[in-house]
Amino acid sequence: MPDFLTRLGNSGVLVADGATGTMLQQAGLPAGAAPERWNLENPDAIIDLHRAYIDAGADIILTNTFGGTRIRLSQDMADPDAVVINRRAAELARQAAGERVIVFGDMGPTGQMLPPLGLQTYKETAEAFAEQAGALEAGGADAILIETMSDLYEAKAALEGAREATSLPVIVSFSFDMHGRTMMGLHPEDAARAMWELEVDVIGANCGRTLTETLTAIEKMRAVIPEAVLLAKPNAGLPHREDGKFVYDVTPEIMGEYALKFADTGVKIFGGCCGSSPAHIKAAADVLKGRNR
């Protein structure tokens, strides 16, 4: 299989997978439990989810390690197993992916504040991400995805850690879920400029509140750095409760329509985030791959 950067340079859009947490909850993951524990405790469920997205047309799957730093795993008292959990997650994804599908080693925020708002140091943060990234590479990841970032300082620490521990390509994606800014007040334009200066391989926007807001963030990134390689992985809208369950409003058909809108901005990777399912990814893959033919 050509490596990730080679495939990224080809024409067309690579399709990434959708939600992990919400799908695992539907598979029986207890509310409040760390999804990463299932890499060790219920590996069959993880492989089944990966294969469902691959069957739907995904070219890229993410490891089940969004909260996989030892800092975040400490909230579930799983931090001593951080290296084992991350390596096993990458091995499971690699097993499901085979040689055709790309595996992104997924790294999300630590959940702690860095100075000046918090006490967790930059060095501690970078070390935790380096440990996670190294384990993901050892398990077979093709690239590292740093996602759902809101603090530029933490994103830089994650990038430093990934580069210290691995030689893999790195994608950095931010969540603009506060009326066009991240929770920490970062604008898409500033995020794109900062990541471009650090020579990140792919810059992106994921999660967020609505498809439209994420699309606007991508458009702003494109405007300030026209030559950037972009990723978009929006939520399936915002959830609301129906009969005691959370339901997302964006249907697979709407996701497919927006996949074309994102493709028109020149994104090279498109997938889904919270609330998206294999049906959403199939709808996106069908229209994007139909367009590529």
C-alpha atoms as a PDB file:
ATOM      1  CA  MET A   1       0.000   0.000   0.000  1.00  0.00           C
ATOM      2  CA  PRO A   2       1.339   3.494  -0.829  1.00  0.00           C
ATOM      3  CA  ASP A   3       2.098   5.437   2.319  1.00  0.00           C
ATOM      4  CA  PHE A   4      -0.348   7.956   3.725  1.00  0.00           C
ATOM      5  CA  LEU A   5       1.295  11.075   2.297  1.00  0.00           C
ATOM      6  CA  THR A   6       1.491   9.492  -1.159  1.00  0.00           C
ATOM      7  CA  ARG A   7      -2.208   8.645  -1.111  1.00  0.00           C
ATOM      8  CA  LEU A   8      -2.979  12.107   0.218  1.00  0.00           C
ATOM      9  CA  GLY A   9      -1.257  13.617  -2.790  1.00  0.00           C
ATOM     10  CA  ASN A  10      -3.460  11.739  -5.246  1.00  0.00           C
ATOM     11  CA  SER A  11      -6.627  13.266  -6.646  1.00  0.00           C
ATOM     12  CA  GLY A  12      -9.877  12.962  -4.767  1.00  0.00           C
ATOM     13  CA  VAL A  13     -10.888  12.999  -1.101  1.00  0.00           C
ATOM     14  CA  LEU A  14      -9.948  10.313   1.410  1.00  0.00           C
ATOM     15  CA  VAL A  15     -12.923   9.273   3.539  1.00  0.00           C
ATOM     16  CA  ALA A  16     -12.343   8.939   7.282  1.00  0.00           C
ATOM     17  CA  ASP A  17     -14.522   7.103   9.764  1.00  0.00           C
ATOM     18  CA  GLY A  18     -17.151   8.526  12.099  1.00  0.00           C
ATOM     19  CA  ALA A  19     -17.865   8.555  15.820  1.00  0.00           C
ATOM     20  CA  THR A  20     -16.278   6.086  18.211  1.00  0.00           C
ATOM     21  CA  GLY A  21     -17.658   6.917  21.662  1.00  0.00           C
ATOM     22  CA  THR A  22     -21.322   7.178  20.740  1.00  0.00           C
ATOM     23  CA  MET A  23     -21.126   3.997  18.668  1.00  0.00           C
ATOM     24  CA  LEU A  24     -19.454   2.039  21.474  1.00  0.00           C
ATOM     25  CA  GLN A  25     -22.129   3.229  23.887  1.00  0.00           C
ATOM     26  CA  GLN A  26     -24.718   1.765  21.531  1.00  0.00           C
ATOM     27  CA  ALA A  27     -22.700  -1.474  21.651  1.00  0.00           C
ATOM     28  CA  GLY A  28     -22.974  -1.566  25.434  1.00  0.00           C
ATOM     29  CA  LEU A  29     -20.149   0.589  26.793  1.00  0.00           C
ATOM     30  CA  PRO A  30     -21.380   1.769  30.211  1.00  0.00           C
ATOM     31  CA  ALA A  31     -22.105   5.475  30.541  1.00  0.00           C
ATOM     32  CA  GLY A  32     -19.100   7.309  31.955  1.00  0.00           C
ATOM     33  CA  ALA A  33     -16.671   4.455  31.300  1.00  0.00           C
ATOM     34  CA  ALA A  34     -13.467   5.195  29.404  1.00  0.00           C
ATOM     35  CA  PRO A  35     -13.879   3.789  25.862  1.00  0.00           C
ATOM     36  CA  GLU A  36     -10.147   3.065  25.786  1.00  0.00           C
ATOM     37  CA  ARG A  37     -10.592   0.294  28.376  1.00  0.00           C
ATOM     38  CA  TRP A  38     -12.420  -1.766  25.760  1.00  0.00           C
ATOM     39  CA  ASN A  39      -9.206  -2.105  23.759  1.00  0.00           C
ATOM     40  CA  LEU A  40      -8.213  -4.613  26.436  1.00  0.00           C
ATOM     41  CA  GLU A  41     -11.571  -5.705  27.837  1.00  0.00           C
ATOM     42  CA  ASN A  42     -13.716  -6.016  24.688  1.00  0.00           C
ATOM     43  CA  PRO A  43     -11.446  -6.010  21.632  1.00  0.00           C
ATOM     44  CA  ASP A  44     -14.040  -7.724  19.433  1.00  0.00           C
ATOM     45  CA  ALA A  45     -16.336  -4.687  19.781  1.00  0.00           C
ATOM     46  CA  ILE A  46     -13.520  -2.392  18.657  1.00  0.00           C
ATOM     47  CA  ILE A  47     -12.704  -4.516  15.621  1.00  0.00           C
ATOM     48  CA  ASP A  48     -16.398  -4.772  14.727  1.00  0.00           C
ATOM     49  CA  LEU A  49     -16.700  -0.971  14.799  1.00  0.00           C
ATOM     50  CA  HIS A  50     -13.615  -0.494  12.643  1.00  0.00           C
ATOM     51  CA  ARG A  51     -14.898  -3.036  10.124  1.00  0.00           C
ATOM     52  CA  ALA A  52     -18.315  -1.386  10.012  1.00  0.00           C
ATOM     53  CA  TYR A  53     -16.685   1.871   8.928  1.00  0.00           C
ATOM     54  CA  ILE A  54     -14.426   0.112   6.442  1.00  0.00           C
ATOM     55  CA  ASP A  55     -17.441  -1.674   4.954  1.00  0.00           C
ATOM     56  CA  ALA A  56     -19.133   1.737   4.694  1.00  0.00           C
ATOM     57  CA  GLY A  57     -16.282   2.995   2.504  1.00  0.00           C
ATOM     58  CA  ALA A  58     -13.793   4.550   4.916  1.00  0.00           C
ATOM     59  CA  ASP A  59     -10.222   4.874   3.649  1.00  0.00           C
ATOM     60  CA  ILE A  60      -9.056   5.924   7.137  1.00  0.00           C
ATOM     61  CA  ILE A  61      -9.946   4.618  10.596  1.00  0.00           C
ATOM     62  CA  LEU A  62      -8.983   6.137  13.953  1.00  0.00           C
ATOM     63  CA  THR A  63      -7.656   4.155  16.887  1.00  0.00           C
ATOM     64  CA  ASN A  64      -9.878   4.052  19.967  1.00  0.00           C
ATOM     65  CA  THR A  65      -7.512   6.303  21.923  1.00  0.00           C
ATOM     66  CA  PHE A  66      -9.059   9.794  21.969  1.00  0.00           C
ATOM     67  CA  GLY A  67      -8.609   9.953  25.755  1.00  0.00           C
ATOM     68  CA  GLY A  68      -5.505   7.788  25.756  1.00  0.00           C
ATOM     69  CA  THR A  69      -2.925  10.000  27.441  1.00  0.00           C
ATOM     70  CA  ARG A  70      -1.970   8.778  30.902  1.00  0.00           C
ATOM     71  CA  ILE A  71      -3.190  12.159  32.161  1.00  0.00           C
ATOM     72  CA  ARG A  72      -6.724  11.587  30.926  1.00  0.00           C
ATOM     73  CA  LEU A  73      -6.733   7.859  31.703  1.00  0.00           C
ATOM     74  CA  SER A  74      -5.912   8.710  35.313  1.00  0.00           C
ATOM     75  CA  GLN A  75      -9.526   9.868  35.663  1.00  0.00           C
ATOM     76  CA  ASP A  76     -10.525   6.214  35.210  1.00  0.00           C
ATOM     77  CA  MET A  77      -7.497   4.906  37.138  1.00  0.00           C
ATOM     78  CA  ALA A  78      -6.210   3.320  33.921  1.00  0.00           C
ATOM     79  CA  ASP A  79      -3.068   5.460  33.595  1.00  0.00           C
ATOM     80  CA  PRO A  80      -0.649   2.635  34.540  1.00  0.00           C
ATOM     81  CA  ASP A  81      -1.876   0.809  31.429  1.00  0.00           C
ATOM     82  CA  ALA A  82      -1.557   3.780  29.055  1.00  0.00           C
ATOM     83  CA  VAL A  83       1.186   2.323  26.846  1.00  0.00           C
ATOM     84  CA  VAL A  84      -0.483  -1.091  26.654  1.00  0.00           C
ATOM     85  CA  ILE A  85      -3.893   0.430  25.913  1.00  0.00           C
ATOM     86  CA  ASN A  86      -2.602   2.616  23.086  1.00  0.00           C
ATOM     87  CA  ARG A  87      -0.446  -0.028  21.495  1.00  0.00           C
ATOM     88  CA  ARG A  88      -3.286  -2.544  21.627  1.00  0.00           C
ATOM     89  CA  ALA A  89      -5.693  -0.025  20.111  1.00  0.00           C
ATOM     90  CA  ALA A  90      -3.358   0.492  17.163  1.00  0.00           C
ATOM     91  CA  GLU A  91      -2.910  -3.261  16.754  1.00  0.00           C
ATOM     92  CA  LEU A  92      -6.691  -3.758  16.660  1.00  0.00           C
ATOM     93  CA  ALA A  93      -7.120  -0.998  14.081  1.00  0.00           C
ATOM     94  CA  ARG A  94      -4.278  -2.406  12.007  1.00  0.00           C
ATOM     95  CA  GLN A  95      -5.848  -5.860  12.161  1.00  0.00           C
ATOM     96  CA  ALA A  96      -9.152  -4.496  10.898  1.00  0.00           C
ATOM     97  CA  ALA A  97      -7.537  -2.205   8.314  1.00  0.00           C
ATOM     98  CA  GLY A  98      -5.327  -4.737   6.617  1.00  0.00           C
ATOM     99  CA  GLU A  99      -3.075  -3.220   3.971  1.00  0.00           C
ATOM    100  CA  ARG A 100      -5.645  -1.069   2.149  1.00  0.00           C
ATOM    101  CA  VAL A 101      -6.981   1.190   4.901  1.00  0.00           C
ATOM    102  CA  ILE A 102      -4.958   3.901   6.663  1.00  0.00           C
ATOM    103  CA  VAL A 103      -4.766   3.939  10.476  1.00  0.00           C
ATOM    104  CA  PHE A 104      -4.634   7.258  12.322  1.00  0.00           C
ATOM    105  CA  GLY A 105      -3.320   7.102  15.873  1.00  0.00           C
ATOM    106  CA  ASP A 106      -5.868   9.307  17.625  1.00  0.00           C
ATOM    107  CA  MET A 107      -4.823  11.742  20.379  1.00  0.00           C
ATOM    108  CA  GLY A 108      -7.361  14.068  22.021  1.00  0.00           C
ATOM    109  CA  PRO A 109      -6.982  16.718  24.741  1.00  0.00           C
ATOM    110  CA  THR A 110      -5.721  15.735  28.185  1.00  0.00           C
ATOM    111  CA  GLY A 111      -8.725  17.392  29.839  1.00  0.00           C
ATOM    112  CA  GLN A 112      -6.479  19.551  32.000  1.00  0.00           C
ATOM    113  CA  MET A 113      -5.637  23.244  31.734  1.00  0.00           C
ATOM    114  CA  LEU A 114      -2.137  24.458  30.998  1.00  0.00           C
ATOM    115  CA  PRO A 115      -0.739  27.736  32.367  1.00  0.00           C
ATOM    116  CA  PRO A 116      -1.814  30.446  32.908  1.00  0.00           C
ATOM    117  CA  LEU A 117      -5.253  28.934  33.615  1.00  0.00           C
ATOM    118  CA  GLY A 118      -4.115  25.594  35.016  1.00  0.00           C
ATOM    119  CA  LEU A 119      -1.243  23.857  36.786  1.00  0.00           C
ATOM    120  CA  GLN A 120      -0.364  21.140  34.253  1.00  0.00           C
ATOM    121  CA  THR A 121       2.953  22.116  32.704  1.00  0.00           C
ATOM    122  CA  TYR A 122       3.823  22.163  29.032  1.00  0.00           C
ATOM    123  CA  LYS A 123       6.615  19.638  29.672  1.00  0.00           C
ATOM    124  CA  GLU A 124       4.270  17.194  31.430  1.00  0.00           C
ATOM    125  CA  THR A 125       1.788  17.526  28.590  1.00  0.00           C
ATOM    126  CA  ALA A 126       4.353  16.971  25.833  1.00  0.00           C
ATOM    127  CA  GLU A 127       5.756  13.941  27.665  1.00  0.00           C
ATOM    128  CA  ALA A 128       2.302  12.374  27.993  1.00  0.00           C
ATOM    129  CA  PHE A 129       1.592  12.857  24.290  1.00  0.00           C
ATOM    130  CA  ALA A 130       5.035  11.506  23.366  1.00  0.00           C
ATOM    131  CA  GLU A 131       4.336   8.347  25.375  1.00  0.00           C
ATOM    132  CA  GLN A 132       0.963   7.923  23.646  1.00  0.00           C
ATOM    133  CA  ALA A 133       2.298   8.614  20.141  1.00  0.00           C
ATOM    134  CA  GLY A 134       5.164   6.175  20.566  1.00  0.00           C
ATOM    135  CA  ALA A 135       2.787   3.409  21.616  1.00  0.00           C
ATOM    136  CA  LEU A 136       0.483   4.144  18.671  1.00  0.00           C
ATOM    137  CA  GLU A 137       3.378   3.931  16.208  1.00  0.00           C
ATOM    138  CA  ALA A 138       4.565   0.690  17.815  1.00  0.00           C
ATOM    139  CA  GLY A 139       1.086  -0.768  17.310  1.00  0.00           C
ATOM    140  CA  GLY A 140       1.052   0.025  13.602  1.00  0.00           C
ATOM    141  CA  ALA A 141      -0.435   3.516  13.120  1.00  0.00           C
ATOM    142  CA  ASP A 142       0.340   5.198   9.784  1.00  0.00           C
ATOM    143  CA  ALA A 143      -0.044   8.788  11.052  1.00  0.00           C
ATOM    144  CA  ILE A 144      -0.854  10.682  14.232  1.00  0.00           C
ATOM    145  CA  LEU A 145      -4.081  12.686  14.467  1.00  0.00           C
ATOM    146  CA  ILE A 146      -4.137  15.332  17.196  1.00  0.00           C
ATOM    147  CA  GLU A 147      -7.794  16.307  17.317  1.00  0.00           C
ATOM    148  CA  THR A 148     -10.508  18.373  19.013  1.00  0.00           C
ATOM    149  CA  MET A 149      -7.943  20.864  20.267  1.00  0.00           C
ATOM    150  CA  SER A 150      -9.057  24.190  21.711  1.00  0.00           C
ATOM    151  CA  ASP A 151      -5.837  25.446  23.324  1.00  0.00           C
ATOM    152  CA  LEU A 152      -3.045  26.321  20.888  1.00  0.00           C
ATOM    153  CA  TYR A 153      -0.499  25.759  23.673  1.00  0.00           C
ATOM    154  CA  GLU A 154      -1.729  22.183  24.237  1.00  0.00           C
ATOM    155  CA  ALA A 155      -1.814  21.527  20.486  1.00  0.00           C
ATOM    156  CA  LYS A 156       1.829  22.582  20.259  1.00  0.00           C
ATOM    157  CA  ALA A 157       2.716  20.306  23.183  1.00  0.00           C
ATOM    158  CA  ALA A 158       0.963  17.385  21.475  1.00  0.00           C
ATOM    159  CA  LEU A 159       2.765  18.106  18.219  1.00  0.00           C
ATOM    160  CA  GLU A 160       6.124  18.310  19.999  1.00  0.00           C
ATOM    161  CA  GLY A 161       5.435  15.018  21.758  1.00  0.00           C
ATOM    162  CA  ALA A 162       4.389  13.263  18.557  1.00  0.00           C
ATOM    163  CA  ARG A 163       7.482  14.453  16.713  1.00  0.00           C
ATOM    164  CA  GLU A 164       9.782  13.536  19.578  1.00  0.00           C
ATOM    165  CA  ALA A 165       8.485   9.970  19.791  1.00  0.00           C
ATOM    166  CA  THR A 166       7.702   9.123  16.146  1.00  0.00           C
ATOM    167  CA  SER A 167       8.612   9.838  12.555  1.00  0.00           C
ATOM    168  CA  LEU A 168       4.991   9.632  11.426  1.00  0.00           C
ATOM    169  CA  PRO A 169       3.076  12.357   9.553  1.00  0.00           C
ATOM    170  CA  VAL A 170       1.014  14.518  11.914  1.00  0.00           C
ATOM    171  CA  ILE A 171      -2.457  16.031  11.500  1.00  0.00           C
ATOM    172  CA  VAL A 172      -3.661  18.703  13.943  1.00  0.00           C
ATOM    173  CA  SER A 173      -7.365  19.531  14.122  1.00  0.00           C
ATOM    174  CA  PHE A 174      -9.260  22.047  16.254  1.00  0.00           C
ATOM    175  CA  SER A 175     -12.871  22.238  17.439  1.00  0.00           C
ATOM    176  CA  PHE A 176     -14.504  25.615  16.754  1.00  0.00           C
ATOM    177  CA  ASP A 177     -17.568  25.123  18.904  1.00  0.00           C
ATOM    178  CA  MET A 178     -17.985  28.569  20.459  1.00  0.00           C
ATOM    179  CA  HIS A 179     -19.569  30.614  17.673  1.00  0.00           C
ATOM    180  CA  GLY A 180     -16.599  30.334  15.332  1.00  0.00           C
ATOM    181  CA  ARG A 181     -13.880  30.071  17.980  1.00  0.00           C
ATOM    182  CA  THR A 182     -12.502  27.275  20.101  1.00  0.00           C
ATOM    183  CA  MET A 183     -13.388  27.081  23.792  1.00  0.00           C
ATOM    184  CA  MET A 184     -10.137  28.943  24.466  1.00  0.00           C
ATOM    185  CA  GLY A 185     -11.023  31.715  22.007  1.00  0.00           C
ATOM    186  CA  LEU A 186      -8.827  30.604  19.111  1.00  0.00           C
ATOM    187  CA  HIS A 187      -9.951  31.636  15.608  1.00  0.00           C
ATOM    188  CA  PRO A 188      -9.616  29.250  12.619  1.00  0.00           C
ATOM    189  CA  GLU A 189      -7.322  31.680  10.824  1.00  0.00           C
ATOM    190  CA  ASP A 190      -4.911  31.853  13.771  1.00  0.00           C
ATOM    191  CA  ALA A 191      -4.923  28.073  14.237  1.00  0.00           C
ATOM    192  CA  ALA A 192      -4.143  27.546  10.555  1.00  0.00           C
ATOM    193  CA  ARG A 193      -1.324  30.090  10.545  1.00  0.00           C
ATOM    194  CA  ALA A 194       0.251  28.623  13.673  1.00  0.00           C
ATOM    195  CA  MET A 195       0.140  25.038  12.396  1.00  0.00           C
ATOM    196  CA  TRP A 196       1.387  26.061   8.958  1.00  0.00           C
ATOM    197  CA  GLU A 197       4.423  27.751  10.518  1.00  0.00           C
ATOM    198  CA  LEU A 198       5.126  24.510  12.389  1.00  0.00           C
ATOM    199  CA  GLU A 199       4.943  22.571   9.091  1.00  0.00           C
ATOM    200  CA  VAL A 200       2.113  20.276  10.152  1.00  0.00           C
ATOM    201  CA  ASP A 201       1.254  17.830   7.357  1.00  0.00           C
ATOM    202  CA  VAL A 202      -2.520  18.344   7.558  1.00  0.00           C
ATOM    203  CA  ILE A 203      -4.554  21.020   9.376  1.00  0.00           C
ATOM    204  CA  GLY A 204      -8.193  20.517  10.260  1.00  0.00           C
ATOM    205  CA  ALA A 205     -11.468  21.293  11.973  1.00  0.00           C
ATOM    206  CA  ASN A 206     -13.495  18.600  13.688  1.00  0.00           C
ATOM    207  CA  CYS A 207     -16.340  18.150  16.152  1.00  0.00           C
ATOM    208  CA  GLY A 208     -17.938  21.615  16.552  1.00  0.00           C
ATOM    209  CA  ARG A 209     -21.629  22.369  16.858  1.00  0.00           C
ATOM    210  CA  THR A 210     -23.002  22.278  13.324  1.00  0.00           C
ATOM    211  CA  LEU A 211     -21.930  21.254   9.861  1.00  0.00           C
ATOM    212  CA  THR A 212     -22.254  24.850   8.715  1.00  0.00           C
ATOM    213  CA  GLU A 213     -19.997  26.222  11.453  1.00  0.00           C
ATOM    214  CA  THR A 214     -17.314  23.625  10.735  1.00  0.00           C
ATOM    215  CA  LEU A 215     -17.577  24.371   7.015  1.00  0.00           C
ATOM    216  CA  THR A 216     -17.107  28.079   7.744  1.00  0.00           C
ATOM    217  CA  ALA A 217     -14.009  27.285   9.830  1.00  0.00           C
ATOM    218  CA  ILE A 218     -12.531  25.286   6.951  1.00  0.00           C
ATOM    219  CA  GLU A 219     -13.265  28.112   4.517  1.00  0.00           C
ATOM    220  CA  LYS A 220     -11.458  30.568   6.796  1.00  0.00           C
ATOM    221  CA  MET A 221      -8.469  28.249   7.057  1.00  0.00           C
ATOM    222  CA  ARG A 222      -8.374  27.904   3.297  1.00  0.00           C
ATOM    223  CA  ALA A 223      -8.557  31.673   2.831  1.00  0.00           C
ATOM    224  CA  VAL A 224      -5.466  32.401   4.943  1.00  0.00           C
ATOM    225  CA  ILE A 225      -3.378  29.380   3.873  1.00  0.00           C
ATOM    226  CA  PRO A 226      -4.547  28.471   0.340  1.00  0.00           C
ATOM    227  CA  GLU A 227      -1.921  25.752  -0.048  1.00  0.00           C
ATOM    228  CA  ALA A 228      -2.683  23.918   3.214  1.00  0.00           C
ATOM    229  CA  VAL A 229      -3.866  20.308   3.164  1.00  0.00           C
ATOM    230  CA  LEU A 230      -7.131  20.269   5.123  1.00  0.00           C
ATOM    231  CA  LEU A 231      -9.185  17.734   7.084  1.00  0.00           C
ATOM    232  CA  ALA A 232     -12.826  18.105   8.136  1.00  0.00           C
ATOM    233  CA  LYS A 233     -14.597  15.761  10.565  1.00  0.00           C
ATOM    234  CA  PRO A 234     -17.797  17.501  11.721  1.00  0.00           C
ATOM    235  CA  ASN A 235     -20.353  16.317  14.241  1.00  0.00           C
ATOM    236  CA  ALA A 236     -23.726  15.092  13.043  1.00  0.00           C
ATOM    237  CA  GLY A 237     -25.183  18.288  14.505  1.00  0.00           C
ATOM    238  CA  LEU A 238     -26.025  18.738  18.182  1.00  0.00           C
ATOM    239  CA  PRO A 239     -27.791  16.043  20.221  1.00  0.00           C
ATOM    240  CA  HIS A 240     -31.187  16.345  21.861  1.00  0.00           C
ATOM    241  CA  ARG A 241     -33.026  13.893  24.076  1.00  0.00           C
ATOM    242  CA  GLU A 242     -35.816  11.688  22.743  1.00  0.00           C
ATOM    243  CA  ASP A 243     -37.318   8.960  24.922  1.00  0.00           C
ATOM    244  CA  GLY A 244     -34.374   9.230  27.299  1.00  0.00           C
ATOM    245  CA  LYS A 245     -31.755   8.858  24.551  1.00  0.00           C
ATOM    246  CA  PHE A 246     -29.520  11.377  22.794  1.00  0.00           C
ATOM    247  CA  VAL A 247     -30.417  11.793  19.118  1.00  0.00           C
ATOM    248  CA  TYR A 248     -28.470  13.737  16.484  1.00  0.00           C
ATOM    249  CA  ASP A 249     -30.410  15.668  13.832  1.00  0.00           C
ATOM    250  CA  VAL A 250     -28.058  15.282  10.853  1.00  0.00           C
ATOM    251  CA  THR A 251     -29.179  12.387   8.683  1.00  0.00           C
ATOM    252  CA  PRO A 252     -26.854  10.379   6.440  1.00  0.00           C
ATOM    253  CA  GLU A 253     -28.375  12.165   3.447  1.00  0.00           C
ATOM    254  CA  ILE A 254     -27.505  15.578   4.885  1.00  0.00           C
ATOM    255  CA  MET A 255     -23.988  14.377   5.692  1.00  0.00           C
ATOM    256  CA  GLY A 256     -23.596  13.300   2.077  1.00  0.00           C
ATOM    257  CA  GLU A 257     -24.745  16.706   0.836  1.00  0.00           C
ATOM    258  CA  TYR A 258     -22.271  18.475   3.088  1.00  0.00           C
ATOM    259  CA  ALA A 259     -19.461  16.121   2.104  1.00  0.00           C
ATOM    260  CA  LEU A 260     -19.653  17.668  -1.366  1.00  0.00           C
ATOM    261  CA  LYS A 261     -19.645  21.181   0.109  1.00  0.00           C
ATOM    262  CA  PHE A 262     -16.515  20.388   2.079  1.00  0.00           C
ATOM    263  CA  ALA A 263     -14.949  18.823  -1.017  1.00  0.00           C
ATOM    264  CA  ASP A 264     -15.603  22.071  -2.872  1.00  0.00           C
ATOM    265  CA  THR A 265     -13.336  23.849  -0.352  1.00  0.00           C
ATOM    266  CA  GLY A 266     -10.539  21.469  -1.318  1.00  0.00           C
ATOM    267  CA  VAL A 267     -10.436  19.292   1.817  1.00  0.00           C
ATOM    268  CA  LYS A 268      -8.423  16.122   1.254  1.00  0.00           C
ATOM    269  CA  ILE A 269      -9.895  14.171   4.173  1.00  0.00           C
ATOM    270  CA  PHE A 270     -13.558  14.110   5.169  1.00  0.00           C
ATOM    271  CA  GLY A 271     -15.245  12.079   7.891  1.00  0.00           C
ATOM    272  CA  GLY A 272     -17.624  12.409  10.814  1.00  0.00           C
ATOM    273  CA  CYS A 273     -17.301  13.079  14.528  1.00  0.00           C
ATOM    274  CA  CYS A 274     -19.816  12.791  17.397  1.00  0.00           C
ATOM    275  CA  GLY A 275     -23.159  11.280  16.437  1.00  0.00           C
ATOM    276  CA  SER A 276     -22.039  10.043  13.026  1.00  0.00           C
ATOM    277  CA  SER A 277     -22.427   6.369  12.192  1.00  0.00           C
ATOM    278  CA  PRO A 278     -21.376   3.963   9.442  1.00  0.00           C
ATOM    279  CA  ALA A 279     -24.534   5.062   7.595  1.00  0.00           C
ATOM    280  CA  HIS A 280     -23.296   8.676   7.607  1.00  0.00           C
ATOM    281  CA  ILE A 281     -19.872   7.607   6.362  1.00  0.00           C
ATOM    282  CA  LYS A 282     -21.410   5.447   3.616  1.00  0.00           C
ATOM    283  CA  ALA A 283     -23.452   8.409   2.406  1.00  0.00           C
ATOM    284  CA  ALA A 284     -20.330  10.588   2.319  1.00  0.00           C
ATOM    285  CA  ALA A 285     -18.227   7.892   0.664  1.00  0.00           C
ATOM    286  CA  ASP A 286     -20.843   7.231  -2.000  1.00  0.00           C
ATOM    287  CA  VAL A 287     -20.998  10.847  -3.141  1.00  0.00           C
ATOM    288  CA  LEU A 288     -17.288  11.583  -2.826  1.00  0.00           C
ATOM    289  CA  LYS A 289     -16.127   8.431  -4.562  1.00  0.00           C
ATOM    290  CA  GLY A 290     -18.805   8.832  -7.195  1.00  0.00           C
ATOM    291  CA  ARG A 291     -17.433  12.290  -7.835  1.00  0.00           C
ATOM    292  CA  ASN A 292     -13.875  10.895  -8.110  1.00  0.00           C
ATOM    293  CA  ARG A 293     -14.848   8.434 -10.833  1.00  0.00           C
END
